[in-house]
Amino acid sequence: MSTLTTDAGRSAGTARPRRSRRGAAEARAGLLLALPFVVLFLVFTAWPVLQSMIMSFTDMRITDIRTPFAVDFVGLENYRTAFADPVFRRAALNTGMFVLLGVPLTITAGLAAAVALNRGVGRLRAVFRVGFYTPVITSIVAVAVVWRFLLQPENGLVNTVLSWVGVDGPHWLGDERTALLSLVIMAVWRNFGTSMVIFLAGLQAVDPGLHEAAALDGAGRWRRFVSITLPSIRPTMLFVLVTTSIGYLQFFEEPFVMTGGGPLNATISASMYTYNQFGFGNYGVAGAMAYLTFVVIGIVTLVQFRLMREK
């Protein structure tokens, strides 16, 4: 009996170092496979982020490219310059308006389309799903060309339809009062397909037994939607809210290809103005503007997580 116990102990003693050597070899193989990604991440993501942060505290301009280590440290001067710039303040206001209008409209349109596809539309569901999602994968340049034709003041489709009911349509993209609104509508149309797909996945995970029990208790469709569906998809709603808000806080393509920021800076965004500052060679100020946008995104995201947390 004691001999068997001794043999078993020796076997366990030899197997343990063998497993340890195998685990170490697997760890080395894992590190070796991850090494290319780590190098690329450090070179092309982490270093530019760190460099731009350092740049925002210096007076670096395009003339300092050949001697980047000869720039002077200016502390928060670039941030003060950004706050004092009236165009940047206008761009920040436009960005805020774009988010306040665009995010609720995009989420509402995406949720309505998802509910319709989940319950109301039986036939041709795949066709509708593809149709709603197509604008998301369509080039912004192609979308801009189509929308510019639609919003033409003289013979555009929108003003033509309005004229049928006696309304004289405005110059949508050339009027300060309607230019930003036009970009919001185009952005909602282009992006609600993404939220629709995510909401559709969330709706299909809702327990149908809860709806059946509520229906037996006399709850109508609207009551079941408010009391069962919406609470059940709270995590999905939070994800869509956060990702849509982050995307809209960085909106750039719409004014860049549709209006160029005009008329009279009515549609210029914080990201577009930051891009312009980089183009003008004001690297320090541009870096400060970029990090101001980053801070706002962080604060908005934290507030959304706080408001949408489970209670």
C-alpha atoms as a PDB file:
ATOM      1  CA  MET A   1       0.000   0.000   0.000  1.00  0.00           C
ATOM      2  CA  SER A   2       2.822   2.337   0.950  1.00  0.00           C
ATOM      3  CA  THR A   3       4.632   1.449  -2.303  1.00  0.00           C
ATOM      4  CA  LEU A   4       1.589   2.417  -4.380  1.00  0.00           C
ATOM      5  CA  THR A   5       1.269   5.699  -2.516  1.00  0.00           C
ATOM      6  CA  THR A   6       4.938   6.472  -3.118  1.00  0.00           C
ATOM      7  CA  ASP A   7       4.647   5.731  -6.865  1.00  0.00           C
ATOM      8  CA  ALA A   8       1.570   7.952  -7.158  1.00  0.00           C
ATOM      9  CA  GLY A   9       3.392  10.755  -5.392  1.00  0.00           C
ATOM     10  CA  ARG A  10       6.361  10.491  -7.754  1.00  0.00           C
ATOM     11  CA  SER A  11       4.031  10.558 -10.793  1.00  0.00           C
ATOM     12  CA  ALA A  12       2.299  13.660  -9.491  1.00  0.00           C
ATOM     13  CA  GLY A  13       5.649  15.250  -8.745  1.00  0.00           C
ATOM     14  CA  THR A  14       6.902  14.717 -12.324  1.00  0.00           C
ATOM     15  CA  ALA A  15       3.584  15.740 -13.923  1.00  0.00           C
ATOM     16  CA  ARG A  16       3.480  19.099 -12.135  1.00  0.00           C
ATOM     17  CA  PRO A  17       6.774  20.458 -13.599  1.00  0.00           C
ATOM     18  CA  ARG A  18       5.696  19.137 -17.011  1.00  0.00           C
ATOM     19  CA  ARG A  19       2.443  21.111 -16.852  1.00  0.00           C
ATOM     20  CA  SER A  20       4.370  24.131 -15.631  1.00  0.00           C
ATOM     21  CA  ARG A  21       6.790  23.947 -18.574  1.00  0.00           C
ATOM     22  CA  ARG A  22       3.863  23.553 -20.979  1.00  0.00           C
ATOM     23  CA  GLY A  23       2.096  26.563 -19.457  1.00  0.00           C
ATOM     24  CA  ALA A  24       5.253  28.677 -19.750  1.00  0.00           C
ATOM     25  CA  ALA A  25       5.668  27.655 -23.388  1.00  0.00           C
ATOM     26  CA  GLU A  26       2.036  28.564 -24.155  1.00  0.00           C
ATOM     27  CA  ALA A  27       2.503  31.922 -22.404  1.00  0.00           C
ATOM     28  CA  ARG A  28       5.620  32.656 -24.498  1.00  0.00           C
ATOM     29  CA  ALA A  29       3.746  31.680 -27.673  1.00  0.00           C
ATOM     30  CA  GLY A  30       0.854  33.963 -26.693  1.00  0.00           C
ATOM     31  CA  LEU A  31       3.177  36.882 -26.056  1.00  0.00           C
ATOM     32  CA  LEU A  32       4.974  36.247 -29.347  1.00  0.00           C
ATOM     33  CA  LEU A  33       1.683  36.224 -31.277  1.00  0.00           C
ATOM     34  CA  ALA A  34       0.482  39.388 -29.514  1.00  0.00           C
ATOM     35  CA  LEU A  35       3.765  41.220 -30.069  1.00  0.00           C
ATOM     36  CA  PRO A  36       2.943  42.567 -33.601  1.00  0.00           C
ATOM     37  CA  PHE A  37      -0.333  44.061 -32.361  1.00  0.00           C
ATOM     38  CA  VAL A  38       1.345  45.558 -29.289  1.00  0.00           C
ATOM     39  CA  VAL A  39       4.063  47.163 -31.418  1.00  0.00           C
ATOM     40  CA  LEU A  40       1.561  48.563 -33.937  1.00  0.00           C
ATOM     41  CA  PHE A  41      -0.682  49.836 -31.139  1.00  0.00           C
ATOM     42  CA  LEU A  42       2.197  51.582 -29.384  1.00  0.00           C
ATOM     43  CA  VAL A  43       3.564  53.148 -32.590  1.00  0.00           C
ATOM     44  CA  PHE A  44       0.365  54.173 -34.370  1.00  0.00           C
ATOM     45  CA  THR A  45      -2.115  54.725 -31.487  1.00  0.00           C
ATOM     46  CA  ALA A  46      -0.521  55.229 -28.079  1.00  0.00           C
ATOM     47  CA  TRP A  47       2.408  57.389 -29.247  1.00  0.00           C
ATOM     48  CA  PRO A  48       0.299  59.806 -31.394  1.00  0.00           C
ATOM     49  CA  VAL A  49      -2.152  60.216 -28.500  1.00  0.00           C
ATOM     50  CA  LEU A  50       0.668  60.962 -26.067  1.00  0.00           C
ATOM     51  CA  GLN A  51       2.399  63.208 -28.600  1.00  0.00           C
ATOM     52  CA  SER A  52      -0.750  65.249 -29.240  1.00  0.00           C
ATOM     53  CA  MET A  53      -1.258  65.664 -25.499  1.00  0.00           C
ATOM     54  CA  ILE A  54       2.295  66.963 -25.080  1.00  0.00           C
ATOM     55  CA  MET A  55       1.826  69.152 -28.152  1.00  0.00           C
ATOM     56  CA  SER A  56      -1.243  70.811 -26.593  1.00  0.00           C
ATOM     57  CA  PHE A  57       0.996  72.259 -23.872  1.00  0.00           C
ATOM     58  CA  THR A  58       3.596  73.679 -26.263  1.00  0.00           C
ATOM     59  CA  ASP A  59       3.729  76.467 -28.846  1.00  0.00           C
ATOM     60  CA  MET A  60       4.437  74.011 -31.658  1.00  0.00           C
ATOM     61  CA  ARG A  61       3.589  75.213 -35.177  1.00  0.00           C
ATOM     62  CA  ILE A  62       4.283  73.934 -38.649  1.00  0.00           C
ATOM     63  CA  THR A  63       7.642  75.754 -38.674  1.00  0.00           C
ATOM     64  CA  ASP A  64       8.790  73.565 -35.736  1.00  0.00           C
ATOM     65  CA  ILE A  65       8.442  70.233 -37.550  1.00  0.00           C
ATOM     66  CA  ARG A  66      12.173  70.024 -38.282  1.00  0.00           C
ATOM     67  CA  THR A  67      13.038  70.831 -34.653  1.00  0.00           C
ATOM     68  CA  PRO A  68      10.155  69.403 -32.589  1.00  0.00           C
ATOM     69  CA  PHE A  69      12.203  69.325 -29.366  1.00  0.00           C
ATOM     70  CA  ALA A  70      13.005  73.038 -29.594  1.00  0.00           C
ATOM     71  CA  VAL A  71       9.442  74.166 -28.856  1.00  0.00           C
ATOM     72  CA  ASP A  72       8.562  76.017 -25.654  1.00  0.00           C
ATOM     73  CA  PHE A  73       6.256  74.784 -22.933  1.00  0.00           C
ATOM     74  CA  VAL A  74       3.331  77.227 -22.610  1.00  0.00           C
ATOM     75  CA  GLY A  75       1.201  75.478 -19.994  1.00  0.00           C
ATOM     76  CA  LEU A  76      -2.535  76.076 -20.486  1.00  0.00           C
ATOM     77  CA  GLU A  77      -2.106  78.983 -22.915  1.00  0.00           C
ATOM     78  CA  ASN A  78      -3.406  76.959 -25.884  1.00  0.00           C
ATOM     79  CA  TYR A  79      -6.516  75.999 -23.904  1.00  0.00           C
ATOM     80  CA  ARG A  80      -7.117  79.666 -23.040  1.00  0.00           C
ATOM     81  CA  THR A  81      -6.670  80.535 -26.722  1.00  0.00           C
ATOM     82  CA  ALA A  82      -9.258  77.916 -27.658  1.00  0.00           C
ATOM     83  CA  PHE A  83     -11.785  79.233 -25.138  1.00  0.00           C
ATOM     84  CA  ALA A  84     -11.188  82.806 -26.329  1.00  0.00           C
ATOM     85  CA  ASP A  85     -11.679  81.893 -30.001  1.00  0.00           C
ATOM     86  CA  PRO A  86     -15.241  82.914 -31.027  1.00  0.00           C
ATOM     87  CA  VAL A  87     -15.239  80.483 -33.962  1.00  0.00           C
ATOM     88  CA  PHE A  88     -14.355  77.588 -31.668  1.00  0.00           C
ATOM     89  CA  ARG A  89     -17.128  78.610 -29.281  1.00  0.00           C
ATOM     90  CA  ARG A  90     -19.541  78.711 -32.216  1.00  0.00           C
ATOM     91  CA  ALA A  91     -18.289  75.289 -33.337  1.00  0.00           C
ATOM     92  CA  ALA A  92     -18.805  73.910 -29.815  1.00  0.00           C
ATOM     93  CA  LEU A  93     -22.346  75.351 -29.769  1.00  0.00           C
ATOM     94  CA  ASN A  94     -23.110  73.794 -33.166  1.00  0.00           C
ATOM     95  CA  THR A  95     -21.777  70.455 -31.931  1.00  0.00           C
ATOM     96  CA  GLY A  96     -23.941  70.648 -28.818  1.00  0.00           C
ATOM     97  CA  MET A  97     -27.041  71.447 -30.879  1.00  0.00           C
ATOM     98  CA  PHE A  98     -26.219  68.634 -33.262  1.00  0.00           C
ATOM     99  CA  VAL A  99     -25.993  66.154 -30.372  1.00  0.00           C
ATOM    100  CA  LEU A 100     -29.112  67.412 -28.566  1.00  0.00           C
ATOM    101  CA  LEU A 101     -31.211  67.153 -31.724  1.00  0.00           C
ATOM    102  CA  GLY A 102     -29.576  64.228 -33.471  1.00  0.00           C
ATOM    103  CA  VAL A 103     -29.141  61.676 -30.685  1.00  0.00           C
ATOM    104  CA  PRO A 104     -32.815  61.527 -29.528  1.00  0.00           C
ATOM    105  CA  LEU A 105     -34.065  61.510 -33.129  1.00  0.00           C
ATOM    106  CA  THR A 106     -31.641  58.748 -34.142  1.00  0.00           C
ATOM    107  CA  ILE A 107     -32.509  56.574 -31.139  1.00  0.00           C
ATOM    108  CA  THR A 108     -36.248  57.118 -31.593  1.00  0.00           C
ATOM    109  CA  ALA A 109     -36.119  56.308 -35.305  1.00  0.00           C
ATOM    110  CA  GLY A 110     -33.923  53.252 -34.721  1.00  0.00           C
ATOM    111  CA  LEU A 111     -36.139  51.927 -31.924  1.00  0.00           C
ATOM    112  CA  ALA A 112     -39.337  52.502 -33.934  1.00  0.00           C
ATOM    113  CA  ALA A 113     -37.899  50.667 -36.932  1.00  0.00           C
ATOM    114  CA  ALA A 114     -36.688  47.808 -34.711  1.00  0.00           C
ATOM    115  CA  VAL A 115     -40.095  47.429 -33.041  1.00  0.00           C
ATOM    116  CA  ALA A 116     -41.807  47.426 -36.441  1.00  0.00           C
ATOM    117  CA  LEU A 117     -39.453  44.773 -37.773  1.00  0.00           C
ATOM    118  CA  ASN A 118     -39.692  42.704 -34.599  1.00  0.00           C
ATOM    119  CA  ARG A 119     -43.483  42.678 -34.334  1.00  0.00           C
ATOM    120  CA  GLY A 120     -45.321  44.577 -36.986  1.00  0.00           C
ATOM    121  CA  VAL A 121     -43.635  43.550 -40.238  1.00  0.00           C
ATOM    122  CA  GLY A 122     -44.050  39.882 -41.115  1.00  0.00           C
ATOM    123  CA  ARG A 123     -43.309  39.728 -44.810  1.00  0.00           C
ATOM    124  CA  LEU A 124     -40.211  41.093 -46.515  1.00  0.00           C
ATOM    125  CA  ARG A 125     -38.574  41.671 -43.118  1.00  0.00           C
ATOM    126  CA  ALA A 126     -35.091  41.060 -44.545  1.00  0.00           C
ATOM    127  CA  VAL A 127     -35.745  43.530 -47.368  1.00  0.00           C
ATOM    128  CA  PHE A 128     -36.755  46.267 -44.928  1.00  0.00           C
ATOM    129  CA  ARG A 129     -33.769  45.454 -42.691  1.00  0.00           C
ATOM    130  CA  VAL A 130     -31.336  45.774 -45.595  1.00  0.00           C
ATOM    131  CA  GLY A 131     -33.082  48.915 -46.845  1.00  0.00           C
ATOM    132  CA  PHE A 132     -32.885  50.661 -43.464  1.00  0.00           C
ATOM    133  CA  TYR A 133     -29.235  49.702 -43.015  1.00  0.00           C
ATOM    134  CA  THR A 134     -28.062  50.599 -46.522  1.00  0.00           C
ATOM    135  CA  PRO A 135     -27.448  54.328 -45.756  1.00  0.00           C
ATOM    136  CA  VAL A 136     -24.993  53.308 -43.009  1.00  0.00           C
ATOM    137  CA  ILE A 137     -22.678  51.556 -45.457  1.00  0.00           C
ATOM    138  CA  THR A 138     -23.145  54.081 -48.254  1.00  0.00           C
ATOM    139  CA  SER A 139     -20.307  56.508 -48.914  1.00  0.00           C
ATOM    140  CA  ILE A 140     -20.838  59.907 -47.309  1.00  0.00           C
ATOM    141  CA  VAL A 141     -19.845  61.528 -50.605  1.00  0.00           C
ATOM    142  CA  ALA A 142     -22.627  59.725 -52.478  1.00  0.00           C
ATOM    143  CA  VAL A 143     -25.079  60.562 -49.701  1.00  0.00           C
ATOM    144  CA  ALA A 144     -24.032  64.211 -49.799  1.00  0.00           C
ATOM    145  CA  VAL A 145     -24.545  64.437 -53.561  1.00  0.00           C
ATOM    146  CA  VAL A 146     -28.057  62.986 -53.278  1.00  0.00           C
ATOM    147  CA  TRP A 147     -29.029  65.224 -50.363  1.00  0.00           C
ATOM    148  CA  ARG A 148     -27.667  68.321 -52.055  1.00  0.00           C
ATOM    149  CA  PHE A 149     -29.961  67.593 -55.001  1.00  0.00           C
ATOM    150  CA  LEU A 150     -32.896  66.960 -52.647  1.00  0.00           C
ATOM    151  CA  LEU A 151     -32.313  70.246 -50.810  1.00  0.00           C
ATOM    152  CA  GLN A 152     -31.782  72.452 -53.839  1.00  0.00           C
ATOM    153  CA  PRO A 153     -33.694  75.724 -53.270  1.00  0.00           C
ATOM    154  CA  GLU A 154     -35.092  76.036 -56.807  1.00  0.00           C
ATOM    155  CA  ASN A 155     -35.855  72.556 -58.101  1.00  0.00           C
ATOM    156  CA  GLY A 156     -35.036  70.230 -55.201  1.00  0.00           C
ATOM    157  CA  LEU A 157     -37.485  67.467 -54.337  1.00  0.00           C
ATOM    158  CA  VAL A 158     -38.137  68.778 -50.799  1.00  0.00           C
ATOM    159  CA  ASN A 159     -39.081  72.298 -51.896  1.00  0.00           C
ATOM    160  CA  THR A 160     -41.057  70.918 -54.848  1.00  0.00           C
ATOM    161  CA  VAL A 161     -43.207  68.821 -52.473  1.00  0.00           C
ATOM    162  CA  LEU A 162     -43.627  71.807 -50.144  1.00  0.00           C
ATOM    163  CA  SER A 163     -44.772  73.942 -53.072  1.00  0.00           C
ATOM    164  CA  TRP A 164     -47.612  71.480 -53.724  1.00  0.00           C
ATOM    165  CA  VAL A 165     -49.158  72.539 -50.395  1.00  0.00           C
ATOM    166  CA  GLY A 166     -48.394  76.227 -50.889  1.00  0.00           C
ATOM    167  CA  VAL A 167     -45.231  76.410 -48.757  1.00  0.00           C
ATOM    168  CA  ASP A 168     -42.246  78.326 -50.104  1.00  0.00           C
ATOM    169  CA  GLY A 169     -39.284  76.194 -49.004  1.00  0.00           C
ATOM    170  CA  PRO A 170     -36.112  77.869 -47.733  1.00  0.00           C
ATOM    171  CA  HIS A 171     -32.556  77.577 -49.020  1.00  0.00           C
ATOM    172  CA  TRP A 172     -31.906  74.635 -46.704  1.00  0.00           C
ATOM    173  CA  LEU A 173     -28.102  74.589 -46.865  1.00  0.00           C
ATOM    174  CA  GLY A 174     -27.593  78.299 -47.582  1.00  0.00           C
ATOM    175  CA  ASP A 175     -29.659  79.705 -44.727  1.00  0.00           C
ATOM    176  CA  GLU A 176     -28.125  79.989 -41.232  1.00  0.00           C
ATOM    177  CA  ARG A 177     -31.438  79.030 -39.653  1.00  0.00           C
ATOM    178  CA  THR A 178     -31.885  75.740 -41.531  1.00  0.00           C
ATOM    179  CA  ALA A 179     -28.388  74.582 -42.500  1.00  0.00           C
ATOM    180  CA  LEU A 180     -27.588  72.769 -39.231  1.00  0.00           C
ATOM    181  CA  LEU A 181     -31.087  71.289 -39.069  1.00  0.00           C
ATOM    182  CA  SER A 182     -30.595  69.901 -42.582  1.00  0.00           C
ATOM    183  CA  LEU A 183     -27.379  68.189 -41.496  1.00  0.00           C
ATOM    184  CA  VAL A 184     -29.121  66.746 -38.440  1.00  0.00           C
ATOM    185  CA  ILE A 185     -31.887  65.244 -40.586  1.00  0.00           C
ATOM    186  CA  MET A 186     -29.360  63.781 -43.002  1.00  0.00           C
ATOM    187  CA  ALA A 187     -27.309  62.325 -40.134  1.00  0.00           C
ATOM    188  CA  VAL A 188     -30.392  60.748 -38.555  1.00  0.00           C
ATOM    189  CA  TRP A 189     -31.409  59.200 -41.878  1.00  0.00           C
ATOM    190  CA  ARG A 190     -27.895  57.889 -42.438  1.00  0.00           C
ATOM    191  CA  ASN A 191     -27.236  56.496 -38.945  1.00  0.00           C
ATOM    192  CA  PHE A 192     -30.504  55.177 -37.526  1.00  0.00           C
ATOM    193  CA  GLY A 193     -29.925  51.830 -39.281  1.00  0.00           C
ATOM    194  CA  THR A 194     -27.096  51.031 -36.860  1.00  0.00           C
ATOM    195  CA  SER A 195     -29.235  51.630 -33.787  1.00  0.00           C
ATOM    196  CA  MET A 196     -32.062  49.673 -35.439  1.00  0.00           C
ATOM    197  CA  VAL A 197     -29.893  46.557 -35.785  1.00  0.00           C
ATOM    198  CA  ILE A 198     -28.721  46.779 -32.169  1.00  0.00           C
ATOM    199  CA  PHE A 199     -32.236  47.436 -30.835  1.00  0.00           C
ATOM    200  CA  LEU A 200     -33.568  44.519 -32.878  1.00  0.00           C
ATOM    201  CA  ALA A 201     -31.097  42.180 -31.177  1.00  0.00           C
ATOM    202  CA  GLY A 202     -32.132  43.547 -27.788  1.00  0.00           C
ATOM    203  CA  LEU A 203     -35.863  43.169 -28.509  1.00  0.00           C
ATOM    204  CA  GLN A 204     -35.453  39.550 -29.548  1.00  0.00           C
ATOM    205  CA  ALA A 205     -33.902  38.812 -26.138  1.00  0.00           C
ATOM    206  CA  VAL A 206     -36.980  40.070 -24.222  1.00  0.00           C
ATOM    207  CA  ASP A 207     -38.815  37.212 -22.520  1.00  0.00           C
ATOM    208  CA  PRO A 208     -42.181  36.751 -24.339  1.00  0.00           C
ATOM    209  CA  GLY A 209     -43.612  35.151 -21.184  1.00  0.00           C
ATOM    210  CA  LEU A 210     -43.556  38.569 -19.494  1.00  0.00           C
ATOM    211  CA  HIS A 211     -45.690  40.033 -22.286  1.00  0.00           C
ATOM    212  CA  GLU A 212     -48.117  37.102 -22.121  1.00  0.00           C
ATOM    213  CA  ALA A 213     -48.495  37.456 -18.345  1.00  0.00           C
ATOM    214  CA  ALA A 214     -49.026  41.223 -18.635  1.00  0.00           C
ATOM    215  CA  ALA A 215     -51.588  40.713 -21.421  1.00  0.00           C
ATOM    216  CA  LEU A 216     -53.514  38.289 -19.214  1.00  0.00           C
ATOM    217  CA  ASP A 217     -53.565  40.991 -16.538  1.00  0.00           C
ATOM    218  CA  GLY A 218     -55.142  43.390 -19.021  1.00  0.00           C
ATOM    219  CA  ALA A 219     -52.102  45.483 -19.987  1.00  0.00           C
ATOM    220  CA  GLY A 220     -52.309  47.011 -23.458  1.00  0.00           C
ATOM    221  CA  ARG A 221     -49.506  47.164 -26.025  1.00  0.00           C
ATOM    222  CA  TRP A 222     -48.296  50.606 -25.001  1.00  0.00           C
ATOM    223  CA  ARG A 223     -48.333  49.684 -21.319  1.00  0.00           C
ATOM    224  CA  ARG A 224     -46.368  46.488 -22.012  1.00  0.00           C
ATOM    225  CA  PHE A 225     -43.886  48.448 -24.147  1.00  0.00           C
ATOM    226  CA  VAL A 226     -43.267  51.021 -21.409  1.00  0.00           C
ATOM    227  CA  SER A 227     -43.264  48.651 -18.419  1.00  0.00           C
ATOM    228  CA  ILE A 228     -41.643  45.531 -19.916  1.00  0.00           C
ATOM    229  CA  THR A 229     -39.851  46.208 -23.187  1.00  0.00           C
ATOM    230  CA  LEU A 230     -38.032  49.430 -22.308  1.00  0.00           C
ATOM    231  CA  PRO A 231     -36.714  48.215 -18.910  1.00  0.00           C
ATOM    232  CA  SER A 232     -35.632  44.927 -20.505  1.00  0.00           C
ATOM    233  CA  ILE A 233     -33.549  46.665 -23.157  1.00  0.00           C
ATOM    234  CA  ARG A 234     -31.950  49.192 -20.799  1.00  0.00           C
ATOM    235  CA  PRO A 235     -28.385  47.859 -21.425  1.00  0.00           C
ATOM    236  CA  THR A 236     -29.014  47.997 -25.173  1.00  0.00           C
ATOM    237  CA  MET A 237     -30.379  51.529 -24.851  1.00  0.00           C
ATOM    238  CA  LEU A 238     -27.282  52.575 -22.881  1.00  0.00           C
ATOM    239  CA  PHE A 239     -24.954  51.152 -25.516  1.00  0.00           C
ATOM    240  CA  VAL A 240     -26.777  52.892 -28.365  1.00  0.00           C
ATOM    241  CA  LEU A 241     -26.965  56.158 -26.410  1.00  0.00           C
ATOM    242  CA  VAL A 242     -23.249  56.183 -25.594  1.00  0.00           C
ATOM    243  CA  THR A 243     -21.988  55.160 -29.033  1.00  0.00           C
ATOM    244  CA  THR A 244     -24.341  57.536 -30.862  1.00  0.00           C
ATOM    245  CA  SER A 245     -23.431  60.443 -28.595  1.00  0.00           C
ATOM    246  CA  ILE A 246     -19.700  59.826 -29.015  1.00  0.00           C
ATOM    247  CA  GLY A 247     -20.109  59.679 -32.790  1.00  0.00           C
ATOM    248  CA  TYR A 248     -22.200  62.848 -32.947  1.00  0.00           C
ATOM    249  CA  LEU A 249     -19.856  64.768 -30.627  1.00  0.00           C
ATOM    250  CA  GLN A 250     -17.167  64.138 -33.242  1.00  0.00           C
ATOM    251  CA  PHE A 251     -19.346  64.881 -36.275  1.00  0.00           C
ATOM    252  CA  PHE A 252     -17.150  65.982 -39.120  1.00  0.00           C
ATOM    253  CA  GLU A 253     -18.108  64.406 -42.428  1.00  0.00           C
ATOM    254  CA  GLU A 254     -21.515  66.042 -42.776  1.00  0.00           C
ATOM    255  CA  PRO A 255     -20.383  69.703 -42.653  1.00  0.00           C
ATOM    256  CA  PHE A 256     -17.105  68.899 -44.415  1.00  0.00           C
ATOM    257  CA  VAL A 257     -18.755  67.509 -47.555  1.00  0.00           C
ATOM    258  CA  MET A 258     -22.107  69.332 -47.459  1.00  0.00           C
ATOM    259  CA  THR A 259     -21.481  72.920 -46.397  1.00  0.00           C
ATOM    260  CA  GLY A 260     -17.777  73.382 -45.674  1.00  0.00           C
ATOM    261  CA  GLY A 261     -18.838  74.740 -42.272  1.00  0.00           C
ATOM    262  CA  GLY A 262     -20.925  77.554 -43.723  1.00  0.00           C
ATOM    263  CA  PRO A 263     -22.923  79.625 -44.135  1.00  0.00           C
ATOM    264  CA  LEU A 264     -21.105  82.002 -41.743  1.00  0.00           C
ATOM    265  CA  ASN A 265     -19.885  79.094 -39.568  1.00  0.00           C
ATOM    266  CA  ALA A 266     -23.468  77.988 -38.952  1.00  0.00           C
ATOM    267  CA  THR A 267     -22.552  74.307 -39.430  1.00  0.00           C
ATOM    268  CA  ILE A 268     -18.897  74.147 -38.470  1.00  0.00           C
ATOM    269  CA  SER A 269     -18.235  71.520 -35.790  1.00  0.00           C
ATOM    270  CA  ALA A 270     -15.559  71.307 -33.103  1.00  0.00           C
ATOM    271  CA  SER A 271     -13.867  68.413 -34.918  1.00  0.00           C
ATOM    272  CA  MET A 272     -13.898  70.255 -38.237  1.00  0.00           C
ATOM    273  CA  TYR A 273     -12.483  73.444 -36.711  1.00  0.00           C
ATOM    274  CA  THR A 274      -9.776  71.381 -34.983  1.00  0.00           C
ATOM    275  CA  TYR A 275      -8.972  69.795 -38.342  1.00  0.00           C
ATOM    276  CA  ASN A 276      -8.708  73.255 -39.880  1.00  0.00           C
ATOM    277  CA  GLN A 277      -6.297  74.374 -37.162  1.00  0.00           C
ATOM    278  CA  PHE A 278      -4.076  71.369 -37.894  1.00  0.00           C
ATOM    279  CA  GLY A 279      -4.227  72.338 -41.569  1.00  0.00           C
ATOM    280  CA  PHE A 280      -3.158  75.897 -40.721  1.00  0.00           C
ATOM    281  CA  GLY A 281      -0.161  74.528 -38.798  1.00  0.00           C
ATOM    282  CA  ASN A 282      -1.379  75.599 -35.323  1.00  0.00           C
ATOM    283  CA  TYR A 283      -0.529  72.244 -33.815  1.00  0.00           C
ATOM    284  CA  GLY A 284      -0.514  73.344 -30.185  1.00  0.00           C
ATOM    285  CA  VAL A 285      -3.927  75.029 -30.345  1.00  0.00           C
ATOM    286  CA  ALA A 286      -5.355  72.170 -32.415  1.00  0.00           C
ATOM    287  CA  GLY A 287      -4.128  69.649 -29.841  1.00  0.00           C
ATOM    288  CA  ALA A 288      -5.764  71.639 -27.054  1.00  0.00           C
ATOM    289  CA  MET A 289      -9.080  71.756 -28.968  1.00  0.00           C
ATOM    290  CA  ALA A 290      -8.915  68.010 -29.571  1.00  0.00           C
ATOM    291  CA  TYR A 291      -8.435  67.314 -25.870  1.00  0.00           C
ATOM    292  CA  LEU A 292     -11.236  69.691 -24.910  1.00  0.00           C
ATOM    293  CA  THR A 293     -13.514  67.615 -27.142  1.00  0.00           C
ATOM    294  CA  PHE A 294     -12.147  64.453 -25.532  1.00  0.00           C
ATOM    295  CA  VAL A 295     -12.921  65.775 -22.042  1.00  0.00           C
ATOM    296  CA  VAL A 296     -16.485  66.669 -23.069  1.00  0.00           C
ATOM    297  CA  ILE A 297     -16.967  63.177 -24.505  1.00  0.00           C
ATOM    298  CA  GLY A 298     -15.713  61.648 -21.271  1.00  0.00           C
ATOM    299  CA  ILE A 299     -18.038  63.783 -19.130  1.00  0.00           C
ATOM    300  CA  VAL A 300     -21.082  63.087 -21.322  1.00  0.00           C
ATOM    301  CA  THR A 301     -20.368  59.361 -21.261  1.00  0.00           C
ATOM    302  CA  LEU A 302     -20.009  59.300 -17.472  1.00  0.00           C
ATOM    303  CA  VAL A 303     -23.292  61.211 -17.064  1.00  0.00           C
ATOM    304  CA  GLN A 304     -25.072  58.776 -19.367  1.00  0.00           C
ATOM    305  CA  PHE A 305     -23.747  55.773 -17.438  1.00  0.00           C
ATOM    306  CA  ARG A 306     -24.856  57.474 -14.220  1.00  0.00           C
ATOM    307  CA  LEU A 307     -28.371  58.195 -15.484  1.00  0.00           C
ATOM    308  CA  MET A 308     -28.909  54.812 -17.150  1.00  0.00           C
ATOM    309  CA  ARG A 309     -27.499  52.603 -14.403  1.00  0.00           C
ATOM    310  CA  GLU A 310     -29.634  49.871 -12.881  1.00  0.00           C
ATOM    311  CA  LYS A 311     -31.669  51.096  -9.887  1.00  0.00           C
END
